Amino acid sequence: MPSHAFTISKLADAAGIGVEAVRYYQRRGLLAQPGRAEGSFREYSATDVQRLQFIKRAQELGFTLEDVAELVSLSAEPDKQRVRAVTQRRVSEIRERVRNLQAMASALEGLASCCEKAAPTDACPIIAALAGALPSELRTKSVAQAQVVEAETV
């Protein structure tokens, strides 16, 4: 095998991911599967390492694998407007997730407050809320928000 070629294991190590992730990306069509060399090893190149690093960085920024596939296809024939549109769509989705997480944090704070105010003989309001049995006098706006967020994330 030429010194510039990688086995799948060395490719995965060079990209900082696992071998199964490499195979998964191949099944998803994000990374080509090279032919076998004479010694029956598949030979990957530095370009494959770069592709995997591209995928990894994109995922770290919140892009889905569908987004990554679109960005990869756009990288061959750069269409800055489409790349920007994909990025702006992802930003909007991340901002929506942040709003949902903030609502969940607020709901949990409300539950923690209910717990703090509950009499020692009362059932735990947090457990009751999770079980859907929170008494109406303890039900707060925060609990209602948590249920809305839960319904949106399902």
Foldseek 3Di string as FASTA:
>chain_A
DDPQWDFLCRLCVLLVHDSVVVVVCCVVVQAPFAAADPVRTTTDGVVRSVSSNQVVVCVVVPQDVVLSVVVVVCVVPPDPVVNVVSVVVRVVVVVVVVVLVVLLVQLVVLLVVLQVPDDPVDDRQVVCLVVVNRDPVSDDPSSVSNVVSVVVVD
